Amino acid sequence: MKIAKSLHTLPKILNKTVVKLSSLFTVEQLDLEFSNGVKAKYERIQGGNGAVLVVPFDGTHFYMTREYCCGTHSYELGFVKGKIDKGEQSDIAALRELQEEIGYGAHKISLLKGGMTIAPGMLSLLMYVYLCEDLYVHKLDGDEPEPIEIVKVSIDEAKHLIFDDNSPLREARSIAALTLALHRIGEF
């Protein structure tokens, strides 16, 4: 299926100003002029070098994580994820995060989706989603304040997590990644 390109021309960026800088985020204000002459101010959060989300699969189970999430002030079910360091390739970041967060390496790594956006209306972050298979124990020191809980989920349980209205899997990125992984292994 081919989707036609947008009929719109990108607006001109007249000015960029950093309005807030924290240890995690840079908020930038853009003064824009659209092709119809309308001027507007937008704000966005800069995404750094991008991020990775890793779906570990041992042939029978997906290795999900349960960790504290400040935004919802709860422990959320999801997958290994983290930022791509400056100069680092996304596949190397995926393997590093896998080892740091849950103590596994992978002999096989496959890109499921490159450059996925999360909230493109305000966030410039691009996320690269990987399926990691042929897992082996290999722990690297990470920056987590407490150990991340590993939750092993069968293929049938994974499908249930995606489609059950009361599922503990609520994070959209992880739902999308799990769906892509199930498709890759021939389960969708």
N, C-alpha and C. Protein backbone atom coordinates (compact mmCIF):
# COMPACT_ATOMS: atom_id res chain seq x y z
N MET A 1 0.85 -1.18 0.00
CA MET A 1 0.00 0.00 0.00
C MET A 1 0.89 1.24 0.00
N LYS A 2 0.57 2.18 -0.85
CA LYS A 2 1.35 3.40 -0.92
C LYS A 2 0.47 4.58 -0.51
N ILE A 3 0.96 5.35 0.45
CA ILE A 3 0.26 6.53 0.93
C ILE A 3 0.88 7.74 0.24
N ALA A 4 0.03 8.63 -0.29
CA ALA A 4 0.52 9.83 -0.98
C ALA A 4 1.25 10.75 0.00
N LYS A 5 2.22 11.48 -0.53
CA LYS A 5 2.94 12.47 0.29
C LYS A 5 1.98 13.58 0.70
N SER A 6 2.35 14.27 1.76
CA SER A 6 1.54 15.39 2.25
C SER A 6 1.44 16.48 1.19
N LEU A 7 0.31 17.14 1.17
CA LEU A 7 0.10 18.27 0.27
C LEU A 7 0.73 19.54 0.82
N HIS A 8 1.10 19.53 2.10
CA HIS A 8 1.63 20.72 2.76
C HIS A 8 3.14 20.85 2.59
N THR A 9 3.61 22.07 2.63
CA THR A 9 5.03 22.38 2.66
C THR A 9 5.41 22.64 4.11
N LEU A 10 6.56 22.12 4.54
CA LEU A 10 6.99 22.34 5.92
C LEU A 10 7.06 23.84 6.21
N PRO A 11 6.64 24.25 7.41
CA PRO A 11 6.76 25.66 7.77
C PRO A 11 8.23 26.07 7.90
N LYS A 12 8.49 27.36 7.69
CA LYS A 12 9.83 27.90 7.88
C LYS A 12 10.06 28.12 9.36
N ILE A 13 11.25 27.74 9.83
CA ILE A 13 11.63 28.04 11.21
C ILE A 13 12.29 29.41 11.18
N LEU A 14 11.62 30.41 11.79
CA LEU A 14 12.13 31.77 11.82
C LEU A 14 13.12 31.97 12.95
N ASN A 15 12.89 31.25 14.06
CA ASN A 15 13.75 31.41 15.23
C ASN A 15 13.60 30.20 16.14
N LYS A 16 14.69 29.79 16.78
CA LYS A 16 14.69 28.72 17.78
C LYS A 16 15.28 29.28 19.06
N THR A 17 14.60 29.03 20.18
CA THR A 17 15.08 29.49 21.47
C THR A 17 14.92 28.38 22.50
N VAL A 18 15.97 28.12 23.29
CA VAL A 18 15.86 27.17 24.39
C VAL A 18 15.14 27.89 25.52
N VAL A 19 13.98 27.36 25.94
CA VAL A 19 13.22 28.00 27.00
C VAL A 19 13.35 27.29 28.34
N LYS A 20 13.80 26.02 28.32
CA LYS A 20 13.98 25.28 29.57
C LYS A 20 15.03 24.21 29.34
N LEU A 21 15.95 24.11 30.26
CA LEU A 21 17.01 23.11 30.18
C LEU A 21 17.08 22.41 31.52
N SER A 22 16.90 21.09 31.51
CA SER A 22 17.04 20.31 32.75
C SER A 22 18.07 19.22 32.50
N SER A 23 18.27 18.38 33.49
CA SER A 23 19.23 17.29 33.32
C SER A 23 18.73 16.25 32.32
N LEU A 24 17.43 16.21 32.07
CA LEU A 24 16.86 15.24 31.14
C LEU A 24 16.35 15.84 29.84
N PHE A 25 15.84 17.07 29.89
CA PHE A 25 15.13 17.61 28.74
C PHE A 25 15.63 19.00 28.35
N THR A 26 15.53 19.26 27.06
CA THR A 26 15.71 20.60 26.53
C THR A 26 14.42 20.98 25.84
N VAL A 27 13.77 22.03 26.31
CA VAL A 27 12.53 22.50 25.69
C VAL A 27 12.90 23.68 24.80
N GLU A 28 12.49 23.58 23.56
CA GLU A 28 12.83 24.57 22.56
C GLU A 28 11.54 25.23 22.05
N GLN A 29 11.57 26.55 21.89
CA GLN A 29 10.45 27.26 21.27
C GLN A 29 10.82 27.56 19.82
N LEU A 30 9.90 27.23 18.92
CA LEU A 30 10.10 27.51 17.50
C LEU A 30 9.12 28.58 17.06
N ASP A 31 9.62 29.62 16.43
CA ASP A 31 8.77 30.61 15.77
C ASP A 31 8.67 30.16 14.32
N LEU A 32 7.46 29.84 13.89
CA LEU A 32 7.24 29.25 12.57
C LEU A 32 6.40 30.15 11.68
N GLU A 33 6.61 30.00 10.38
CA GLU A 33 5.73 30.63 9.40
C GLU A 33 5.30 29.54 8.43
N PHE A 34 3.98 29.33 8.36
CA PHE A 34 3.42 28.32 7.49
C PHE A 34 3.29 28.86 6.07
N SER A 35 3.14 27.95 5.12
CA SER A 35 3.12 28.33 3.71
C SER A 35 1.96 29.28 3.37
N ASN A 36 0.93 29.31 4.20
CA ASN A 36 -0.19 30.23 3.97
C ASN A 36 0.02 31.60 4.63
N GLY A 37 1.23 31.81 5.20
CA GLY A 37 1.57 33.10 5.80
C GLY A 37 1.27 33.20 7.29
N VAL A 38 0.57 32.22 7.86
CA VAL A 38 0.25 32.25 9.28
C VAL A 38 1.50 31.95 10.10
N LYS A 39 1.74 32.79 11.13
CA LYS A 39 2.87 32.60 12.04
C LYS A 39 2.36 32.02 13.35
N ALA A 40 3.18 31.14 13.94
CA ALA A 40 2.78 30.50 15.20
C ALA A 40 4.03 30.15 15.99
N LYS A 41 3.83 29.99 17.31
CA LYS A 41 4.90 29.55 18.20
C LYS A 41 4.57 28.13 18.65
N TYR A 42 5.55 27.25 18.55
CA TYR A 42 5.42 25.87 19.01
C TYR A 42 6.54 25.60 20.00
N GLU A 43 6.32 24.64 20.89
CA GLU A 43 7.38 24.17 21.77
C GLU A 43 7.56 22.68 21.55
N ARG A 44 8.81 22.24 21.65
CA ARG A 44 9.10 20.81 21.53
C ARG A 44 10.19 20.43 22.51
N ILE A 45 10.19 19.17 22.84
CA ILE A 45 11.23 18.60 23.69
C ILE A 45 12.22 17.90 22.76
N GLN A 46 13.48 18.30 22.87
CA GLN A 46 14.52 17.71 22.03
C GLN A 46 14.77 16.26 22.46
N GLY A 47 15.01 15.38 21.50
CA GLY A 47 15.14 13.94 21.76
C GLY A 47 16.55 13.41 21.83
N GLY A 48 17.53 14.27 21.84
CA GLY A 48 18.90 13.79 21.96
C GLY A 48 19.32 12.95 20.77
N ASN A 49 19.95 11.82 21.03
CA ASN A 49 20.47 10.94 19.97
C ASN A 49 19.51 9.82 19.61
N GLY A 50 18.33 9.83 20.19
CA GLY A 50 17.36 8.77 19.96
C GLY A 50 17.36 7.77 21.10
N ALA A 51 16.54 6.75 20.95
CA ALA A 51 16.38 5.74 21.99
C ALA A 51 16.11 4.39 21.35
N VAL A 52 16.24 3.36 22.17
CA VAL A 52 15.96 2.00 21.74
C VAL A 52 14.94 1.35 22.67
N LEU A 53 14.19 0.42 22.11
CA LEU A 53 13.31 -0.45 22.89
C LEU A 53 13.63 -1.86 22.44
N VAL A 54 13.87 -2.75 23.38
CA VAL A 54 14.35 -4.10 23.09
C VAL A 54 13.33 -5.13 23.54
N VAL A 55 12.97 -6.03 22.62
CA VAL A 55 12.05 -7.13 22.92
C VAL A 55 12.87 -8.42 22.97
N PRO A 56 13.25 -8.87 24.17
CA PRO A 56 14.00 -10.13 24.29
C PRO A 56 13.03 -11.32 24.16
N PHE A 57 13.44 -12.32 23.39
CA PHE A 57 12.60 -13.51 23.16
C PHE A 57 13.50 -14.74 23.15
N ASP A 58 13.18 -15.73 23.99
CA ASP A 58 14.02 -16.92 24.08
C ASP A 58 13.51 -18.09 23.24
N GLY A 59 12.53 -17.84 22.38
CA GLY A 59 11.93 -18.89 21.57
C GLY A 59 10.63 -19.39 22.14
N THR A 60 10.42 -19.15 23.43
CA THR A 60 9.19 -19.55 24.12
C THR A 60 8.56 -18.37 24.86
N HIS A 61 9.39 -17.55 25.47
CA HIS A 61 8.91 -16.43 26.30
C HIS A 61 9.53 -15.10 25.88
N PHE A 62 8.73 -14.06 26.01
CA PHE A 62 9.23 -12.69 25.92
C PHE A 62 9.65 -12.30 27.32
N TYR A 63 10.75 -11.57 27.44
CA TYR A 63 11.24 -11.10 28.73
C TYR A 63 10.81 -9.65 28.88
N MET A 64 9.72 -9.45 29.59
CA MET A 64 9.23 -8.11 29.84
C MET A 64 9.85 -7.59 31.13
N THR A 65 9.70 -6.29 31.34
CA THR A 65 10.22 -5.67 32.56
C THR A 65 9.07 -5.04 33.33
N ARG A 66 9.27 -4.94 34.63
CA ARG A 66 8.36 -4.15 35.46
C ARG A 66 9.27 -3.25 36.27
N GLU A 67 9.11 -1.93 36.04
CA GLU A 67 9.96 -0.98 36.75
C GLU A 67 9.18 0.28 37.07
N TYR A 68 9.72 1.03 38.01
CA TYR A 68 9.08 2.27 38.44
C TYR A 68 9.11 3.29 37.30
N CYS A 69 7.97 3.94 37.08
CA CYS A 69 7.84 5.00 36.07
C CYS A 69 7.33 6.26 36.77
N CYS A 70 8.13 7.30 36.75
CA CYS A 70 7.82 8.54 37.46
C CYS A 70 6.57 9.22 36.90
N GLY A 71 6.38 9.17 35.57
CA GLY A 71 5.24 9.85 34.94
C GLY A 71 3.90 9.37 35.47
N THR A 72 3.76 8.07 35.70
CA THR A 72 2.50 7.52 36.23
C THR A 72 2.60 7.19 37.72
N HIS A 73 3.78 7.38 38.31
CA HIS A 73 4.07 7.04 39.71
C HIS A 73 3.54 5.64 40.02
N SER A 74 4.00 4.69 39.17
CA SER A 74 3.59 3.30 39.34
C SER A 74 4.65 2.40 38.75
N TYR A 75 4.53 1.13 39.05
CA TYR A 75 5.38 0.13 38.40
C TYR A 75 4.65 -0.32 37.16
N GLU A 76 5.29 -0.16 36.01
CA GLU A 76 4.66 -0.45 34.72
C GLU A 76 5.35 -1.62 34.04
N LEU A 77 4.53 -2.41 33.34
CA LEU A 77 5.02 -3.51 32.54
C LEU A 77 5.47 -2.96 31.20
N GLY A 78 6.60 -3.41 30.71
CA GLY A 78 7.10 -2.92 29.43
C GLY A 78 8.28 -3.76 28.97
N PHE A 79 9.21 -3.12 28.28
CA PHE A 79 10.41 -3.77 27.78
C PHE A 79 11.63 -2.93 28.11
N VAL A 80 12.78 -3.53 27.95
CA VAL A 80 14.06 -2.83 28.09
C VAL A 80 14.05 -1.63 27.16
N LYS A 81 14.50 -0.48 27.67
CA LYS A 81 14.60 0.70 26.81
C LYS A 81 15.63 1.65 27.37
N GLY A 82 16.13 2.51 26.51
CA GLY A 82 17.11 3.47 26.96
C GLY A 82 17.60 4.34 25.82
N LYS A 83 18.40 5.30 26.19
CA LYS A 83 18.88 6.27 25.21
C LYS A 83 20.07 5.74 24.43
N ILE A 84 20.24 6.29 23.25
CA ILE A 84 21.40 6.01 22.43
C ILE A 84 22.45 7.06 22.78
N ASP A 85 23.62 6.62 23.20
CA ASP A 85 24.69 7.55 23.55
C ASP A 85 25.24 8.22 22.30
N LYS A 86 25.82 9.39 22.46
CA LYS A 86 26.41 10.13 21.34
C LYS A 86 27.44 9.25 20.64
N GLY A 87 27.31 9.13 19.32
CA GLY A 87 28.23 8.36 18.52
C GLY A 87 27.95 6.86 18.51
N GLU A 88 26.96 6.40 19.25
CA GLU A 88 26.64 4.98 19.36
C GLU A 88 25.61 4.59 18.30
N GLN A 89 25.75 3.42 17.72
CA GLN A 89 24.75 2.92 16.78
C GLN A 89 23.59 2.33 17.56
N SER A 90 22.40 2.38 16.98
CA SER A 90 21.20 1.94 17.70
C SER A 90 21.26 0.47 18.08
N ASP A 91 21.79 -0.41 17.24
CA ASP A 91 21.85 -1.82 17.58
C ASP A 91 22.81 -2.08 18.75
N ILE A 92 23.90 -1.33 18.81
CA ILE A 92 24.84 -1.46 19.92
C ILE A 92 24.19 -0.95 21.21
N ALA A 93 23.45 0.14 21.12
CA ALA A 93 22.73 0.66 22.29
C ALA A 93 21.70 -0.36 22.78
N ALA A 94 21.02 -1.03 21.85
CA ALA A 94 20.02 -2.04 22.23
C ALA A 94 20.67 -3.17 23.02
N LEU A 95 21.79 -3.67 22.52
CA LEU A 95 22.49 -4.76 23.22
C LEU A 95 23.02 -4.30 24.57
N ARG A 96 23.54 -3.08 24.64
CA ARG A 96 24.05 -2.54 25.91
C ARG A 96 22.91 -2.42 26.93
N GLU A 97 21.80 -1.84 26.52
CA GLU A 97 20.66 -1.67 27.43
C GLU A 97 20.13 -3.02 27.92
N LEU A 98 20.09 -4.01 27.04
CA LEU A 98 19.65 -5.36 27.40
C LEU A 98 20.53 -5.92 28.51
N GLN A 99 21.84 -5.74 28.37
CA GLN A 99 22.79 -6.25 29.37
C GLN A 99 22.73 -5.46 30.67
N GLU A 100 22.56 -4.15 30.56
CA GLU A 100 22.51 -3.31 31.77
C GLU A 100 21.23 -3.51 32.55
N GLU A 101 20.11 -3.59 31.85
CA GLU A 101 18.81 -3.59 32.55
C GLU A 101 18.38 -4.96 33.06
N ILE A 102 18.58 -6.02 32.25
CA ILE A 102 18.11 -7.33 32.71
C ILE A 102 19.18 -8.41 32.71
N GLY A 103 20.42 -8.07 32.35
CA GLY A 103 21.52 -9.02 32.48
C GLY A 103 21.59 -10.09 31.41
N TYR A 104 21.12 -9.78 30.21
CA TYR A 104 21.20 -10.73 29.10
C TYR A 104 21.86 -10.09 27.90
N GLY A 105 22.57 -10.92 27.13
CA GLY A 105 23.05 -10.55 25.81
C GLY A 105 22.24 -11.31 24.79
N ALA A 106 22.47 -11.05 23.51
CA ALA A 106 21.76 -11.74 22.44
C ALA A 106 22.70 -11.98 21.28
N HIS A 107 22.66 -13.21 20.76
CA HIS A 107 23.46 -13.53 19.57
C HIS A 107 22.76 -13.08 18.30
N LYS A 108 21.45 -12.88 18.35
CA LYS A 108 20.68 -12.47 17.17
C LYS A 108 19.88 -11.22 17.51
N ILE A 109 20.05 -10.18 16.70
CA ILE A 109 19.31 -8.93 16.91
C ILE A 109 18.74 -8.47 15.57
N SER A 110 17.45 -8.15 15.57
CA SER A 110 16.76 -7.75 14.34
C SER A 110 16.00 -6.45 14.57
N LEU A 111 16.17 -5.51 13.65
CA LEU A 111 15.42 -4.26 13.73
C LEU A 111 13.97 -4.53 13.35
N LEU A 112 13.04 -4.19 14.24
CA LEU A 112 11.62 -4.34 13.97
C LEU A 112 11.03 -3.07 13.37
N LYS A 113 11.50 -1.93 13.84
CA LYS A 113 11.00 -0.64 13.35
C LYS A 113 12.04 0.42 13.65
N GLY A 114 12.45 1.15 12.64
CA GLY A 114 13.44 2.19 12.81
C GLY A 114 12.80 3.57 12.80
N GLY A 115 13.24 4.43 13.67
CA GLY A 115 12.78 5.82 13.68
C GLY A 115 11.32 5.99 14.03
N MET A 116 10.80 5.17 14.95
CA MET A 116 9.40 5.29 15.38
C MET A 116 9.26 6.54 16.27
N THR A 117 8.20 7.31 16.06
CA THR A 117 7.96 8.48 16.90
C THR A 117 7.01 8.12 18.03
N ILE A 118 7.04 8.92 19.05
CA ILE A 118 6.21 8.66 20.22
C ILE A 118 5.10 9.70 20.34
N ALA A 119 5.46 10.94 20.39
CA ALA A 119 4.51 12.05 20.47
C ALA A 119 5.06 13.16 19.57
N PRO A 120 4.95 12.99 18.24
CA PRO A 120 5.64 13.90 17.32
C PRO A 120 5.14 15.35 17.36
N GLY A 121 4.02 15.59 17.97
CA GLY A 121 3.53 16.96 18.11
C GLY A 121 4.37 17.80 19.07
N MET A 122 5.12 17.12 19.96
CA MET A 122 5.90 17.88 20.94
C MET A 122 7.25 17.27 21.26
N LEU A 123 7.53 16.08 20.76
CA LEU A 123 8.76 15.37 21.13
C LEU A 123 9.50 14.96 19.87
N SER A 124 10.78 15.34 19.77
CA SER A 124 11.56 15.03 18.57
C SER A 124 12.24 13.67 18.63
N LEU A 125 12.04 12.92 19.70
CA LEU A 125 12.71 11.63 19.90
C LEU A 125 12.32 10.60 18.85
N LEU A 126 13.32 9.90 18.32
CA LEU A 126 13.10 8.75 17.45
C LEU A 126 13.52 7.50 18.21
N MET A 127 12.69 6.45 18.12
CA MET A 127 12.95 5.20 18.83
C MET A 127 13.13 4.07 17.84
N TYR A 128 14.13 3.24 18.11
CA TYR A 128 14.44 2.09 17.28
C TYR A 128 14.10 0.83 18.07
N VAL A 129 13.25 -0.01 17.49
CA VAL A 129 12.73 -1.19 18.18
C VAL A 129 13.41 -2.44 17.64
N TYR A 130 13.97 -3.23 18.55
CA TYR A 130 14.71 -4.43 18.18
C TYR A 130 14.13 -5.68 18.83
N LEU A 131 14.17 -6.78 18.09
CA LEU A 131 13.90 -8.11 18.62
C LEU A 131 15.25 -8.77 18.89
N CYS A 132 15.46 -9.23 20.12
CA CYS A 132 16.71 -9.91 20.49
C CYS A 132 16.40 -11.37 20.80
N GLU A 133 17.11 -12.26 20.11
CA GLU A 133 16.90 -13.70 20.28
C GLU A 133 18.23 -14.38 20.56
N ASP A 134 18.15 -15.67 20.84
CA ASP A 134 19.33 -16.46 21.20
C ASP A 134 20.04 -15.77 22.37
N LEU A 135 19.30 -15.67 23.45
CA LEU A 135 19.75 -14.93 24.64
C LEU A 135 20.76 -15.74 25.45
N TYR A 136 21.63 -15.02 26.15
CA TYR A 136 22.58 -15.64 27.07
C TYR A 136 22.80 -14.66 28.23
N VAL A 137 23.17 -15.18 29.37
CA VAL A 137 23.40 -14.35 30.55
C VAL A 137 24.67 -13.52 30.35
N HIS A 138 24.52 -12.20 30.51
CA HIS A 138 25.67 -11.29 30.44
C HIS A 138 25.25 -9.96 31.05
N LYS A 139 25.71 -9.71 32.25
CA LYS A 139 25.30 -8.51 33.01
C LYS A 139 26.34 -7.42 32.91
N LEU A 140 25.88 -6.21 32.58
CA LEU A 140 26.70 -5.00 32.67
C LEU A 140 26.10 -4.11 33.75
N ASP A 141 26.94 -3.30 34.40
CA ASP A 141 26.43 -2.34 35.37
C ASP A 141 25.63 -1.27 34.65
N GLY A 142 24.50 -0.93 35.22
CA GLY A 142 23.64 0.10 34.65
C GLY A 142 23.44 1.24 35.61
N ASP A 143 22.45 2.08 35.31
CA ASP A 143 22.20 3.25 36.13
C ASP A 143 20.84 3.20 36.83
N GLU A 144 20.27 2.01 36.95
CA GLU A 144 18.95 1.87 37.58
C GLU A 144 19.08 1.97 39.09
N PRO A 145 18.13 2.67 39.75
CA PRO A 145 18.20 2.81 41.20
C PRO A 145 17.83 1.54 41.96
N GLU A 146 17.15 0.60 41.29
CA GLU A 146 16.81 -0.68 41.90
C GLU A 146 16.77 -1.73 40.78
N PRO A 147 16.94 -3.00 41.12
CA PRO A 147 16.89 -4.03 40.08
C PRO A 147 15.53 -4.01 39.37
N ILE A 148 15.58 -4.22 38.06
CA ILE A 148 14.35 -4.28 37.26
C ILE A 148 13.82 -5.71 37.32
N GLU A 149 12.53 -5.84 37.60
CA GLU A 149 11.88 -7.14 37.65
C GLU A 149 11.70 -7.68 36.23
N ILE A 150 12.05 -8.94 36.02
CA ILE A 150 11.83 -9.61 34.73
C ILE A 150 10.55 -10.42 34.83
N VAL A 151 9.67 -10.25 33.85
CA VAL A 151 8.41 -10.98 33.79
C VAL A 151 8.40 -11.77 32.47
N LYS A 152 8.49 -13.10 32.58
CA LYS A 152 8.48 -13.94 31.38
C LYS A 152 7.04 -14.18 30.95
N VAL A 153 6.79 -13.95 29.65
CA VAL A 153 5.43 -14.00 29.11
C VAL A 153 5.43 -14.91 27.89
N SER A 154 4.54 -15.91 27.88
CA SER A 154 4.42 -16.81 26.73
C SER A 154 3.79 -16.06 25.55
N ILE A 155 3.82 -16.68 24.39
CA ILE A 155 3.23 -16.08 23.19
C ILE A 155 1.74 -15.84 23.39
N ASP A 156 1.02 -16.82 23.94
CA ASP A 156 -0.42 -16.64 24.18
C ASP A 156 -0.69 -15.54 25.20
N GLU A 157 0.13 -15.50 26.25
CA GLU A 157 -0.03 -14.43 27.25
C GLU A 157 0.25 -13.06 26.63
N ALA A 158 1.23 -13.00 25.73
CA ALA A 158 1.56 -11.73 25.06
C ALA A 158 0.37 -11.22 24.26
N LYS A 159 -0.27 -12.10 23.52
CA LYS A 159 -1.46 -11.70 22.74
C LYS A 159 -2.55 -11.18 23.67
N HIS A 160 -2.74 -11.86 24.78
CA HIS A 160 -3.74 -11.43 25.77
C HIS A 160 -3.39 -10.04 26.32
N LEU A 161 -2.11 -9.79 26.59
CA LEU A 161 -1.69 -8.48 27.11
C LEU A 161 -2.01 -7.35 26.13
N ILE A 162 -1.91 -7.63 24.85
CA ILE A 162 -2.17 -6.60 23.84
C ILE A 162 -3.66 -6.26 23.76
N PHE A 163 -4.52 -7.28 23.79
CA PHE A 163 -5.93 -7.06 23.47
C PHE A 163 -6.88 -7.01 24.65
N ASP A 164 -6.44 -7.38 25.83
CA ASP A 164 -7.31 -7.34 27.02
C ASP A 164 -7.46 -5.90 27.51
N ASP A 165 -8.70 -5.44 27.66
CA ASP A 165 -8.96 -4.07 28.13
C ASP A 165 -8.38 -3.81 29.51
N ASN A 166 -8.25 -4.82 30.33
CA ASN A 166 -7.75 -4.66 31.70
C ASN A 166 -6.30 -5.09 31.83
N SER A 167 -5.59 -5.15 30.73
CA SER A 167 -4.21 -5.61 30.72
C SER A 167 -3.31 -4.69 31.54
N PRO A 168 -2.33 -5.29 32.25
CA PRO A 168 -1.35 -4.45 32.94
C PRO A 168 -0.34 -3.81 31.98
N LEU A 169 -0.35 -4.21 30.70
CA LEU A 169 0.52 -3.60 29.70
C LEU A 169 -0.20 -2.37 29.14
N ARG A 170 0.24 -1.20 29.57
CA ARG A 170 -0.44 0.05 29.20
C ARG A 170 0.39 0.96 28.32
N GLU A 171 1.69 0.74 28.26
CA GLU A 171 2.57 1.64 27.53
C GLU A 171 2.48 1.39 26.02
N ALA A 172 2.12 2.42 25.26
CA ALA A 172 1.90 2.29 23.82
C ALA A 172 3.13 1.78 23.08
N ARG A 173 4.32 2.25 23.45
CA ARG A 173 5.54 1.79 22.77
C ARG A 173 5.73 0.30 22.93
N SER A 174 5.49 -0.21 24.13
CA SER A 174 5.66 -1.64 24.39
C SER A 174 4.58 -2.46 23.70
N ILE A 175 3.36 -1.95 23.64
CA ILE A 175 2.29 -2.64 22.92
C ILE A 175 2.64 -2.74 21.44
N ALA A 176 3.10 -1.63 20.87
CA ALA A 176 3.49 -1.64 19.45
C ALA A 176 4.65 -2.60 19.22
N ALA A 177 5.65 -2.57 20.09
CA ALA A 177 6.84 -3.42 19.93
C ALA A 177 6.47 -4.90 20.04
N LEU A 178 5.61 -5.23 20.99
CA LEU A 178 5.19 -6.63 21.16
C LEU A 178 4.41 -7.10 19.94
N THR A 179 3.57 -6.25 19.40
CA THR A 179 2.81 -6.58 18.19
C THR A 179 3.75 -6.83 17.01
N LEU A 180 4.74 -5.96 16.84
CA LEU A 180 5.74 -6.13 15.77
C LEU A 180 6.53 -7.43 15.96
N ALA A 181 6.91 -7.73 17.20
CA ALA A 181 7.67 -8.94 17.49
C ALA A 181 6.84 -10.20 17.20
N LEU A 182 5.58 -10.19 17.61
CA LEU A 182 4.71 -11.33 17.32
C LEU A 182 4.55 -11.54 15.82
N HIS A 183 4.44 -10.46 15.08
CA HIS A 183 4.35 -10.56 13.63
C HIS A 183 5.65 -11.14 13.05
N ARG A 184 6.79 -10.68 13.55
CA ARG A 184 8.09 -11.14 13.04
C ARG A 184 8.28 -12.64 13.26
N ILE A 185 7.81 -13.14 14.41
CA ILE A 185 8.00 -14.58 14.68
C ILE A 185 6.87 -15.43 14.09
N GLY A 186 5.96 -14.80 13.34
CA GLY A 186 4.91 -15.54 12.64
C GLY A 186 3.67 -15.83 13.46
N GLU A 187 3.46 -15.07 14.53
CA GLU A 187 2.29 -15.28 15.39
C GLU A 187 1.16 -14.30 15.12
N PHE A 188 1.33 -13.39 14.20
CA PHE A 188 0.25 -12.48 13.75
C PHE A 188 0.32 -12.37 12.27
